[in-house]
Amino acid sequence: MSYGNALREDVLAAEITPLIGVFDMFSASLAAKHYNGMFVSGFGFAASYYGLPDIGFIAWPDMVNFVQRLRLAFPEHHLLVDIDDGYVDPEVACHVVEHLEQIGASGVILEDQKRPRRCGHVDGKQILPLPEYLEKLDLVLQTRRDLVVVARTDATEESEILRRAEALASTDADVVLVDGVRSVDWIHKVRRVIGDKPLLFNQIAGGKSPRLSLPELEELGVNVAIYSTPCLFAAQSAIDSALMSLKLNNGRLPEVTPGAVGVAESLALLEKNISRHHPRRQPVRV
């Protein structure tokens, strides 16, 4: 089964599909311990690769190269990739989709923002005229073979949210995403206008959307839940705390107590990225 069809099968199953946002190979290695699917978050990748906010700096070859490294290390995980607005031009969007499908991406999210773009959970978003976005989306749908395509709207005005959600649901896109949805009531409204089309919900700590559990989302009719930044925000907090502790202790490293991470524990995690392909390989000893 292709990667796209494997994700599609899970999306259409009765149980909700969670996808965890990763920002580099190390965060992906940790996410792979706990979940079967990953979301290649634009927010996380812009932060990790460029040290910049997610406002349009990502170059598509950088994203493609990252996804290729992920697929080599994680041959059995779902990989849903944020391609923003398709990097502006419809022909570029199609070119990127061809690359990503060739290297084993499971799916992509294509938004209807125009430049300068913004993270879906911040103010100041601007959207393309609906016909212009639908034309771009249609070209991407014609280009993909089995890749899952999520049609995303960043509309914020209430009547426009519903108009666009309904229009996106009428296309051949596999899934609809209304990003930055602000309440449970609005999840109900979107669910009603898109009919039987699978629905994706994006959660980000401190974002505009309510914090909901997977059972709660499943009850609301959500098929896919993406968590854009749990790894990134946890890393920011943990690294800052560790360096502050190092400073306060005059540069003395903490003792590696049971449950803490040292050389052996880190190597054990990374060794799995090799042993997935070479099961007889012996782990590195320290």
C-alpha atoms as a PDB file:
ATOM      1  CA  MET A   1       0.000   0.000   0.000  1.00  0.00           C
ATOM      2  CA  SER A   2       1.245   3.514  -0.817  1.00  0.00           C
ATOM      3  CA  TYR A   3       1.973   5.988   1.959  1.00  0.00           C
ATOM      4  CA  GLY A   4      -0.919   8.145   0.827  1.00  0.00           C
ATOM      5  CA  ASN A   5      -3.410   5.304   0.837  1.00  0.00           C
ATOM      6  CA  ALA A   6      -2.189   4.102   4.235  1.00  0.00           C
ATOM      7  CA  LEU A   7      -2.928   7.533   5.725  1.00  0.00           C
ATOM      8  CA  ARG A   8      -6.222   7.750   3.835  1.00  0.00           C
ATOM      9  CA  GLU A   9      -7.299   4.404   5.291  1.00  0.00           C
ATOM     10  CA  ASP A  10      -6.630   5.646   8.829  1.00  0.00           C
ATOM     11  CA  VAL A  11      -8.393   8.958   8.174  1.00  0.00           C
ATOM     12  CA  LEU A  12     -11.511   7.103   7.008  1.00  0.00           C
ATOM     13  CA  ALA A  13     -11.465   4.676   9.955  1.00  0.00           C
ATOM     14  CA  ALA A  14     -13.863   5.083  12.865  1.00  0.00           C
ATOM     15  CA  GLU A  15     -11.125   6.124  15.299  1.00  0.00           C
ATOM     16  CA  ILE A  16      -9.557   9.590  15.172  1.00  0.00           C
ATOM     17  CA  THR A  17      -5.996   9.814  13.796  1.00  0.00           C
ATOM     18  CA  PRO A  18      -3.492  11.936  15.813  1.00  0.00           C
ATOM     19  CA  LEU A  19      -0.419  13.376  14.091  1.00  0.00           C
ATOM     20  CA  ILE A  20       2.358  14.913  16.188  1.00  0.00           C
ATOM     21  CA  GLY A  21       4.206  18.002  15.005  1.00  0.00           C
ATOM     22  CA  VAL A  22       7.965  17.520  14.693  1.00  0.00           C
ATOM     23  CA  PHE A  23      10.618  20.110  13.902  1.00  0.00           C
ATOM     24  CA  ASP A  24      13.830  18.121  13.384  1.00  0.00           C
ATOM     25  CA  MET A  25      15.112  14.558  13.283  1.00  0.00           C
ATOM     26  CA  PHE A  26      15.615  14.371  17.040  1.00  0.00           C
ATOM     27  CA  SER A  27      12.091  15.473  17.906  1.00  0.00           C
ATOM     28  CA  ALA A  28      10.824  13.000  15.299  1.00  0.00           C
ATOM     29  CA  SER A  29      12.821  10.227  16.974  1.00  0.00           C
ATOM     30  CA  LEU A  30      11.017  10.948  20.239  1.00  0.00           C
ATOM     31  CA  ALA A  31       7.588  11.290  18.615  1.00  0.00           C
ATOM     32  CA  ALA A  32       8.063   7.940  16.878  1.00  0.00           C
ATOM     33  CA  LYS A  33       8.248   6.229  20.298  1.00  0.00           C
ATOM     34  CA  HIS A  34       4.709   7.262  21.144  1.00  0.00           C
ATOM     35  CA  TYR A  35       2.707   7.863  17.944  1.00  0.00           C
ATOM     36  CA  ASN A  36       2.327   6.311  14.498  1.00  0.00           C
ATOM     37  CA  GLY A  37       1.980   9.587  12.639  1.00  0.00           C
ATOM     38  CA  MET A  38       3.900  12.846  12.357  1.00  0.00           C
ATOM     39  CA  PHE A  39       2.999  16.300  11.159  1.00  0.00           C
ATOM     40  CA  VAL A  40       5.817  18.285   9.558  1.00  0.00           C
ATOM     41  CA  SER A  41       4.879  21.647  11.022  1.00  0.00           C
ATOM     42  CA  GLY A  42       5.766  24.850   9.209  1.00  0.00           C
ATOM     43  CA  PHE A  43       5.930  26.657  12.569  1.00  0.00           C
ATOM     44  CA  GLY A  44       8.417  24.120  13.927  1.00  0.00           C
ATOM     45  CA  PHE A  45      10.490  23.845  10.765  1.00  0.00           C
ATOM     46  CA  ALA A  46      10.847  27.622  10.370  1.00  0.00           C
ATOM     47  CA  ALA A  47      11.938  27.835  14.014  1.00  0.00           C
ATOM     48  CA  SER A  48      14.376  24.914  13.812  1.00  0.00           C
ATOM     49  CA  TYR A  49      15.896  25.366  10.362  1.00  0.00           C
ATOM     50  CA  TYR A  50      15.982  29.157  10.122  1.00  0.00           C
ATOM     51  CA  GLY A  51      15.450  30.403  13.665  1.00  0.00           C
ATOM     52  CA  LEU A  52      12.617  32.535  12.305  1.00  0.00           C
ATOM     53  CA  PRO A  53       8.845  32.789  12.758  1.00  0.00           C
ATOM     54  CA  ASP A  54       6.526  31.014  10.341  1.00  0.00           C
ATOM     55  CA  ILE A  55       5.737  33.996   8.120  1.00  0.00           C
ATOM     56  CA  GLY A  56       6.923  32.794   4.716  1.00  0.00           C
ATOM     57  CA  PHE A  57      10.660  32.191   5.006  1.00  0.00           C
ATOM     58  CA  ILE A  58      10.559  28.449   4.201  1.00  0.00           C
ATOM     59  CA  ALA A  59      12.081  27.470   0.848  1.00  0.00           C
ATOM     60  CA  TRP A  60      10.527  24.375  -0.659  1.00  0.00           C
ATOM     61  CA  PRO A  61      13.816  22.490  -1.337  1.00  0.00           C
ATOM     62  CA  ASP A  62      14.645  22.726   2.380  1.00  0.00           C
ATOM     63  CA  MET A  63      11.277  21.220   3.301  1.00  0.00           C
ATOM     64  CA  VAL A  64      11.605  18.447   0.708  1.00  0.00           C
ATOM     65  CA  ASN A  65      15.084  17.547   1.959  1.00  0.00           C
ATOM     66  CA  PHE A  66      13.815  17.354   5.532  1.00  0.00           C
ATOM     67  CA  VAL A  67      10.916  15.089   4.594  1.00  0.00           C
ATOM     68  CA  GLN A  68      13.306  12.825   2.690  1.00  0.00           C
ATOM     69  CA  ARG A  69      15.463  12.404   5.811  1.00  0.00           C
ATOM     70  CA  LEU A  70      12.362  11.695   7.877  1.00  0.00           C
ATOM     71  CA  ARG A  71      11.120   9.029   5.508  1.00  0.00           C
ATOM     72  CA  LEU A  72      14.484   7.236   5.470  1.00  0.00           C
ATOM     73  CA  ALA A  73      14.531   7.080   9.269  1.00  0.00           C
ATOM     74  CA  PHE A  74      10.812   6.365   9.753  1.00  0.00           C
ATOM     75  CA  PRO A  75       9.661   4.083   6.932  1.00  0.00           C
ATOM     76  CA  GLU A  76       6.364   3.086   8.584  1.00  0.00           C
ATOM     77  CA  HIS A  77       5.039   6.359  10.004  1.00  0.00           C
ATOM     78  CA  HIS A  78       2.489   8.687   8.457  1.00  0.00           C
ATOM     79  CA  LEU A  79       4.102  11.958   7.338  1.00  0.00           C
ATOM     80  CA  LEU A  80       1.684  14.836   6.744  1.00  0.00           C
ATOM     81  CA  VAL A  81       3.554  17.887   5.432  1.00  0.00           C
ATOM     82  CA  ASP A  82       2.620  21.552   5.752  1.00  0.00           C
ATOM     83  CA  ILE A  83       3.394  23.195   2.388  1.00  0.00           C
ATOM     84  CA  ASP A  84       1.867  26.563   3.341  1.00  0.00           C
ATOM     85  CA  ASP A  85       0.428  28.205   0.214  1.00  0.00           C
ATOM     86  CA  GLY A  86       2.333  25.851  -2.083  1.00  0.00           C
ATOM     87  CA  TYR A  87       5.193  28.389  -2.086  1.00  0.00           C
ATOM     88  CA  VAL A  88       3.037  30.967  -3.863  1.00  0.00           C
ATOM     89  CA  ASP A  89       2.825  29.821  -7.475  1.00  0.00           C
ATOM     90  CA  PRO A  90       0.461  26.965  -8.503  1.00  0.00           C
ATOM     91  CA  GLU A  91       3.119  25.377 -10.730  1.00  0.00           C
ATOM     92  CA  VAL A  92       5.598  25.418  -7.847  1.00  0.00           C
ATOM     93  CA  ALA A  93       2.961  23.833  -5.604  1.00  0.00           C
ATOM     94  CA  CYS A  94       2.507  21.002  -8.115  1.00  0.00           C
ATOM     95  CA  HIS A  95       6.278  20.559  -8.459  1.00  0.00           C
ATOM     96  CA  VAL A  96       6.646  20.294  -4.676  1.00  0.00           C
ATOM     97  CA  VAL A  97       3.790  17.776  -4.469  1.00  0.00           C
ATOM     98  CA  GLU A  98       5.490  15.607  -7.095  1.00  0.00           C
ATOM     99  CA  HIS A  99       8.757  15.697  -5.139  1.00  0.00           C
ATOM    100  CA  LEU A 100       7.094  14.919  -1.817  1.00  0.00           C
ATOM    101  CA  GLU A 101       5.076  12.038  -3.181  1.00  0.00           C
ATOM    102  CA  GLN A 102       8.158  10.588  -4.876  1.00  0.00           C
ATOM    103  CA  ILE A 103      10.138  10.546  -1.597  1.00  0.00           C
ATOM    104  CA  GLY A 104       7.314   9.037   0.432  1.00  0.00           C
ATOM    105  CA  ALA A 105       5.263  11.789   2.051  1.00  0.00           C
ATOM    106  CA  SER A 106       1.803  10.621   3.109  1.00  0.00           C
ATOM    107  CA  GLY A 107      -0.022  13.881   2.564  1.00  0.00           C
ATOM    108  CA  VAL A 108       0.158  17.665   2.327  1.00  0.00           C
ATOM    109  CA  ILE A 109      -1.801  20.633   3.657  1.00  0.00           C
ATOM    110  CA  LEU A 110      -2.416  23.473   1.182  1.00  0.00           C
ATOM    111  CA  GLU A 111      -3.748  26.763   2.584  1.00  0.00           C
ATOM    112  CA  ASP A 112      -5.613  29.658   0.973  1.00  0.00           C
ATOM    113  CA  GLN A 113      -3.453  32.447   2.425  1.00  0.00           C
ATOM    114  CA  LYS A 114      -1.712  35.047   0.322  1.00  0.00           C
ATOM    115  CA  ARG A 115       1.639  36.666   1.050  1.00  0.00           C
ATOM    116  CA  PRO A 116       2.777  37.854   3.485  1.00  0.00           C
ATOM    117  CA  ARG A 117       1.446  34.695   5.149  1.00  0.00           C
ATOM    118  CA  ARG A 118       1.076  34.096   8.892  1.00  0.00           C
ATOM    119  CA  CYS A 119       0.794  31.173  11.293  1.00  0.00           C
ATOM    120  CA  GLY A 120      -2.830  30.065  11.331  1.00  0.00           C
ATOM    121  CA  HIS A 121      -3.223  31.007  15.008  1.00  0.00           C
ATOM    122  CA  VAL A 122      -2.027  34.613  14.846  1.00  0.00           C
ATOM    123  CA  ASP A 123      -3.718  37.800  13.674  1.00  0.00           C
ATOM    124  CA  GLY A 124      -3.121  39.511  10.354  1.00  0.00           C
ATOM    125  CA  LYS A 125      -3.895  36.660   7.954  1.00  0.00           C
ATOM    126  CA  GLN A 126      -4.936  37.533   4.412  1.00  0.00           C
ATOM    127  CA  ILE A 127      -6.634  35.074   2.062  1.00  0.00           C
ATOM    128  CA  LEU A 128      -6.696  34.570  -1.668  1.00  0.00           C
ATOM    129  CA  PRO A 129      -9.901  35.063  -3.632  1.00  0.00           C
ATOM    130  CA  LEU A 130     -11.699  31.730  -3.452  1.00  0.00           C
ATOM    131  CA  PRO A 131     -11.595  31.009  -7.232  1.00  0.00           C
ATOM    132  CA  GLU A 132      -7.821  31.589  -7.246  1.00  0.00           C
ATOM    133  CA  TYR A 133      -7.289  29.164  -4.378  1.00  0.00           C
ATOM    134  CA  LEU A 134      -9.612  26.549  -5.879  1.00  0.00           C
ATOM    135  CA  GLU A 135      -7.687  26.703  -9.147  1.00  0.00           C
ATOM    136  CA  LYS A 136      -4.408  26.083  -7.303  1.00  0.00           C
ATOM    137  CA  LEU A 137      -5.977  23.288  -5.269  1.00  0.00           C
ATOM    138  CA  ASP A 138      -7.394  21.655  -8.415  1.00  0.00           C
ATOM    139  CA  LEU A 139      -3.979  21.650 -10.083  1.00  0.00           C
ATOM    140  CA  VAL A 140      -2.459  20.002  -7.004  1.00  0.00           C
ATOM    141  CA  LEU A 141      -5.241  17.397  -6.958  1.00  0.00           C
ATOM    142  CA  GLN A 142      -4.632  16.624 -10.619  1.00  0.00           C
ATOM    143  CA  THR A 143      -0.895  16.282  -9.943  1.00  0.00           C
ATOM    144  CA  ARG A 144      -0.977  13.925  -6.955  1.00  0.00           C
ATOM    145  CA  ARG A 145      -1.335  10.191  -7.451  1.00  0.00           C
ATOM    146  CA  ASP A 146      -2.229   8.732  -4.033  1.00  0.00           C
ATOM    147  CA  LEU A 147      -1.044  11.562  -1.778  1.00  0.00           C
ATOM    148  CA  VAL A 148      -3.609  12.769   0.754  1.00  0.00           C
ATOM    149  CA  VAL A 149      -4.441  16.446   0.186  1.00  0.00           C
ATOM    150  CA  VAL A 150      -5.847  18.571   3.024  1.00  0.00           C
ATOM    151  CA  ALA A 151      -7.595  21.735   1.820  1.00  0.00           C
ATOM    152  CA  ARG A 152      -7.157  24.474   4.435  1.00  0.00           C
ATOM    153  CA  THR A 153      -8.854  27.812   4.828  1.00  0.00           C
ATOM    154  CA  ASP A 154      -7.564  30.600   7.040  1.00  0.00           C
ATOM    155  CA  ALA A 155     -10.708  32.699   6.735  1.00  0.00           C
ATOM    156  CA  THR A 156     -11.645  34.499   9.950  1.00  0.00           C
ATOM    157  CA  GLU A 157     -14.963  36.187   9.085  1.00  0.00           C
ATOM    158  CA  GLU A 158     -17.786  33.874  10.097  1.00  0.00           C
ATOM    159  CA  SER A 159     -19.826  33.716   6.897  1.00  0.00           C
ATOM    160  CA  GLU A 160     -16.639  33.375   4.837  1.00  0.00           C
ATOM    161  CA  ILE A 161     -15.434  30.459   6.983  1.00  0.00           C
ATOM    162  CA  LEU A 162     -18.586  28.503   6.200  1.00  0.00           C
ATOM    163  CA  ARG A 163     -18.636  29.516   2.528  1.00  0.00           C
ATOM    164  CA  ARG A 164     -15.061  28.346   2.037  1.00  0.00           C
ATOM    165  CA  ALA A 165     -15.434  25.188   4.100  1.00  0.00           C
ATOM    166  CA  GLU A 166     -18.407  24.168   1.966  1.00  0.00           C
ATOM    167  CA  ALA A 167     -16.522  24.970  -1.248  1.00  0.00           C
ATOM    168  CA  LEU A 168     -13.466  22.980  -0.126  1.00  0.00           C
ATOM    169  CA  ALA A 169     -15.648  20.015   0.798  1.00  0.00           C
ATOM    170  CA  SER A 170     -17.076  19.950  -2.726  1.00  0.00           C
ATOM    171  CA  THR A 171     -13.618  19.394  -4.253  1.00  0.00           C
ATOM    172  CA  ASP A 172     -11.670  16.128  -4.513  1.00  0.00           C
ATOM    173  CA  ALA A 173      -9.524  17.092  -1.512  1.00  0.00           C
ATOM    174  CA  ASP A 174      -9.422  14.265   1.017  1.00  0.00           C
ATOM    175  CA  VAL A 175      -9.776  16.373   4.159  1.00  0.00           C
ATOM    176  CA  VAL A 176     -10.896  19.899   5.132  1.00  0.00           C
ATOM    177  CA  LEU A 177      -9.149  22.090   7.725  1.00  0.00           C
ATOM    178  CA  VAL A 178     -10.447  25.387   9.071  1.00  0.00           C
ATOM    179  CA  ASP A 179      -7.426  26.711  10.944  1.00  0.00           C
ATOM    180  CA  GLY A 180      -7.753  28.799  14.071  1.00  0.00           C
ATOM    181  CA  VAL A 181     -11.339  27.671  14.748  1.00  0.00           C
ATOM    182  CA  ARG A 182     -12.265  29.366  18.020  1.00  0.00           C
ATOM    183  CA  SER A 183     -14.896  27.221  19.716  1.00  0.00           C
ATOM    184  CA  VAL A 184     -16.642  23.865  19.948  1.00  0.00           C
ATOM    185  CA  ASP A 185     -19.719  25.542  18.470  1.00  0.00           C
ATOM    186  CA  TRP A 186     -17.741  26.415  15.372  1.00  0.00           C
ATOM    187  CA  ILE A 187     -16.483  22.855  15.014  1.00  0.00           C
ATOM    188  CA  HIS A 188     -20.162  21.827  14.917  1.00  0.00           C
ATOM    189  CA  LYS A 189     -20.911  24.472  12.281  1.00  0.00           C
ATOM    190  CA  VAL A 190     -18.030  23.410  10.053  1.00  0.00           C
ATOM    191  CA  ARG A 191     -18.899  19.743  10.478  1.00  0.00           C
ATOM    192  CA  ARG A 192     -22.439  20.436   9.262  1.00  0.00           C
ATOM    193  CA  VAL A 193     -21.475  22.354   6.122  1.00  0.00           C
ATOM    194  CA  ILE A 194     -18.820  19.897   4.923  1.00  0.00           C
ATOM    195  CA  GLY A 195     -21.116  16.867   5.089  1.00  0.00           C
ATOM    196  CA  ASP A 196     -19.286  13.529   5.052  1.00  0.00           C
ATOM    197  CA  LYS A 197     -15.891  15.008   4.114  1.00  0.00           C
ATOM    198  CA  PRO A 198     -13.212  14.159   6.729  1.00  0.00           C
ATOM    199  CA  LEU A 199     -12.388  17.033   9.081  1.00  0.00           C
ATOM    200  CA  LEU A 200      -8.985  17.949  10.526  1.00  0.00           C
ATOM    201  CA  PHE A 201      -8.511  19.972  13.720  1.00  0.00           C
ATOM    202  CA  ASN A 202      -5.257  21.771  14.539  1.00  0.00           C
ATOM    203  CA  GLN A 203      -4.255  22.294  18.173  1.00  0.00           C
ATOM    204  CA  ILE A 204      -1.402  24.555  19.229  1.00  0.00           C
ATOM    205  CA  ALA A 205      -0.583  25.573  22.804  1.00  0.00           C
ATOM    206  CA  GLY A 206      -1.592  29.180  23.352  1.00  0.00           C
ATOM    207  CA  GLY A 207      -3.397  29.267  20.008  1.00  0.00           C
ATOM    208  CA  LYS A 208      -6.917  30.372  19.172  1.00  0.00           C
ATOM    209  CA  SER A 209      -8.578  26.944  19.249  1.00  0.00           C
ATOM    210  CA  PRO A 210      -9.942  25.218  22.371  1.00  0.00           C
ATOM    211  CA  ARG A 211      -7.910  22.471  24.039  1.00  0.00           C
ATOM    212  CA  LEU A 212      -9.789  19.223  23.476  1.00  0.00           C
ATOM    213  CA  SER A 213      -8.991  15.554  24.063  1.00  0.00           C
ATOM    214  CA  LEU A 214      -9.036  12.989  21.279  1.00  0.00           C
ATOM    215  CA  PRO A 215     -12.286  11.412  22.575  1.00  0.00           C
ATOM    216  CA  GLU A 216     -13.886  14.874  22.677  1.00  0.00           C
ATOM    217  CA  LEU A 217     -12.778  15.623  19.122  1.00  0.00           C
ATOM    218  CA  GLU A 218     -13.965  12.233  17.917  1.00  0.00           C
ATOM    219  CA  GLU A 219     -17.376  12.933  19.459  1.00  0.00           C
ATOM    220  CA  LEU A 220     -17.479  16.226  17.519  1.00  0.00           C
ATOM    221  CA  GLY A 221     -16.914  14.396  14.248  1.00  0.00           C
ATOM    222  CA  VAL A 222     -13.228  15.241  13.814  1.00  0.00           C
ATOM    223  CA  ASN A 223     -11.272  12.618  11.855  1.00  0.00           C
ATOM    224  CA  VAL A 224      -7.690  13.891  12.190  1.00  0.00           C
ATOM    225  CA  ALA A 225      -6.025  15.890  14.977  1.00  0.00           C
ATOM    226  CA  ILE A 226      -2.678  17.561  14.372  1.00  0.00           C
ATOM    227  CA  TYR A 227      -0.574  18.895  17.231  1.00  0.00           C
ATOM    228  CA  SER A 228       1.706  21.459  15.622  1.00  0.00           C
ATOM    229  CA  THR A 229       4.181  22.349  18.345  1.00  0.00           C
ATOM    230  CA  PRO A 230       4.248  20.102  21.446  1.00  0.00           C
ATOM    231  CA  CYS A 231       7.822  19.014  20.728  1.00  0.00           C
ATOM    232  CA  LEU A 232       9.064  22.502  19.900  1.00  0.00           C
ATOM    233  CA  PHE A 233       7.544  24.175  22.936  1.00  0.00           C
ATOM    234  CA  ALA A 234       8.687  21.367  25.250  1.00  0.00           C
ATOM    235  CA  ALA A 235      12.217  21.688  23.861  1.00  0.00           C
ATOM    236  CA  GLN A 236      12.218  25.456  24.392  1.00  0.00           C
ATOM    237  CA  SER A 237      11.108  25.053  28.001  1.00  0.00           C
ATOM    238  CA  ALA A 238      13.443  22.144  28.817  1.00  0.00           C
ATOM    239  CA  ILE A 239      16.538  23.630  27.170  1.00  0.00           C
ATOM    240  CA  ASP A 240      16.014  26.987  28.825  1.00  0.00           C
ATOM    241  CA  SER A 241      15.574  25.287  32.201  1.00  0.00           C
ATOM    242  CA  ALA A 242      18.651  23.079  31.751  1.00  0.00           C
ATOM    243  CA  LEU A 243      20.896  25.989  30.778  1.00  0.00           C
ATOM    244  CA  MET A 244      19.625  28.130  33.614  1.00  0.00           C
ATOM    245  CA  SER A 245      20.424  25.293  36.022  1.00  0.00           C
ATOM    246  CA  LEU A 246      23.896  24.913  34.498  1.00  0.00           C
ATOM    247  CA  LYS A 247      24.525  28.625  34.971  1.00  0.00           C
ATOM    248  CA  LEU A 248      23.286  28.600  38.572  1.00  0.00           C
ATOM    249  CA  ASN A 249      25.546  25.616  39.356  1.00  0.00           C
ATOM    250  CA  ASN A 250      28.654  27.364  37.981  1.00  0.00           C
ATOM    251  CA  GLY A 251      28.900  25.009  35.004  1.00  0.00           C
ATOM    252  CA  ARG A 252      28.645  21.722  36.937  1.00  0.00           C
ATOM    253  CA  LEU A 253      26.564  19.175  35.012  1.00  0.00           C
ATOM    254  CA  PRO A 254      23.827  17.380  36.944  1.00  0.00           C
ATOM    255  CA  GLU A 255      24.284  13.752  37.927  1.00  0.00           C
ATOM    256  CA  VAL A 256      22.571  11.276  35.605  1.00  0.00           C
ATOM    257  CA  THR A 257      20.003   9.778  37.952  1.00  0.00           C
ATOM    258  CA  PRO A 258      17.517   6.999  37.070  1.00  0.00           C
ATOM    259  CA  GLY A 259      15.067   8.333  34.506  1.00  0.00           C
ATOM    260  CA  ALA A 260      17.386  11.139  33.405  1.00  0.00           C
ATOM    261  CA  VAL A 261      19.060  11.329  29.990  1.00  0.00           C
ATOM    262  CA  GLY A 262      22.789  10.829  29.496  1.00  0.00           C
ATOM    263  CA  VAL A 263      24.953   9.521  26.672  1.00  0.00           C
ATOM    264  CA  ALA A 264      23.629   5.960  26.832  1.00  0.00           C
ATOM    265  CA  GLU A 265      19.980   6.986  26.825  1.00  0.00           C
ATOM    266  CA  SER A 266      20.413   9.364  23.911  1.00  0.00           C
ATOM    267  CA  LEU A 267      22.347   6.826  21.850  1.00  0.00           C
ATOM    268  CA  ALA A 268      19.683   4.191  22.548  1.00  0.00           C
ATOM    269  CA  LEU A 269      17.067   6.493  21.046  1.00  0.00           C
ATOM    270  CA  LEU A 270      19.108   7.323  17.959  1.00  0.00           C
ATOM    271  CA  GLU A 271      20.184   3.731  17.351  1.00  0.00           C
ATOM    272  CA  LYS A 272      16.565   2.856  16.608  1.00  0.00           C
ATOM    273  CA  ASN A 273      16.681   5.024  13.497  1.00  0.00           C
ATOM    274  CA  ILE A 274      19.246   2.570  12.129  1.00  0.00           C
ATOM    275  CA  SER A 275      17.815  -0.637  13.565  1.00  0.00           C
ATOM    276  CA  ARG A 276      14.440  -0.014  11.919  1.00  0.00           C
ATOM    277  CA  HIS A 277      16.219  -0.959   8.701  1.00  0.00           C
ATOM    278  CA  HIS A 278      18.836  -3.327  10.127  1.00  0.00           C
ATOM    279  CA  PRO A 279      17.155  -5.312  12.926  1.00  0.00           C
ATOM    280  CA  ARG A 280      20.219  -7.505  13.554  1.00  0.00           C
ATOM    281  CA  ARG A 281      22.523  -4.565  14.250  1.00  0.00           C
ATOM    282  CA  GLN A 282      23.732  -4.477  17.871  1.00  0.00           C
ATOM    283  CA  PRO A 283      23.088  -1.284  19.842  1.00  0.00           C
ATOM    284  CA  VAL A 284      25.960   1.060  20.590  1.00  0.00           C
ATOM    285  CA  ARG A 285      27.455   0.399  24.039  1.00  0.00           C
ATOM    286  CA  VAL A 286      28.936   3.042  26.271  1.00  0.00           C
END
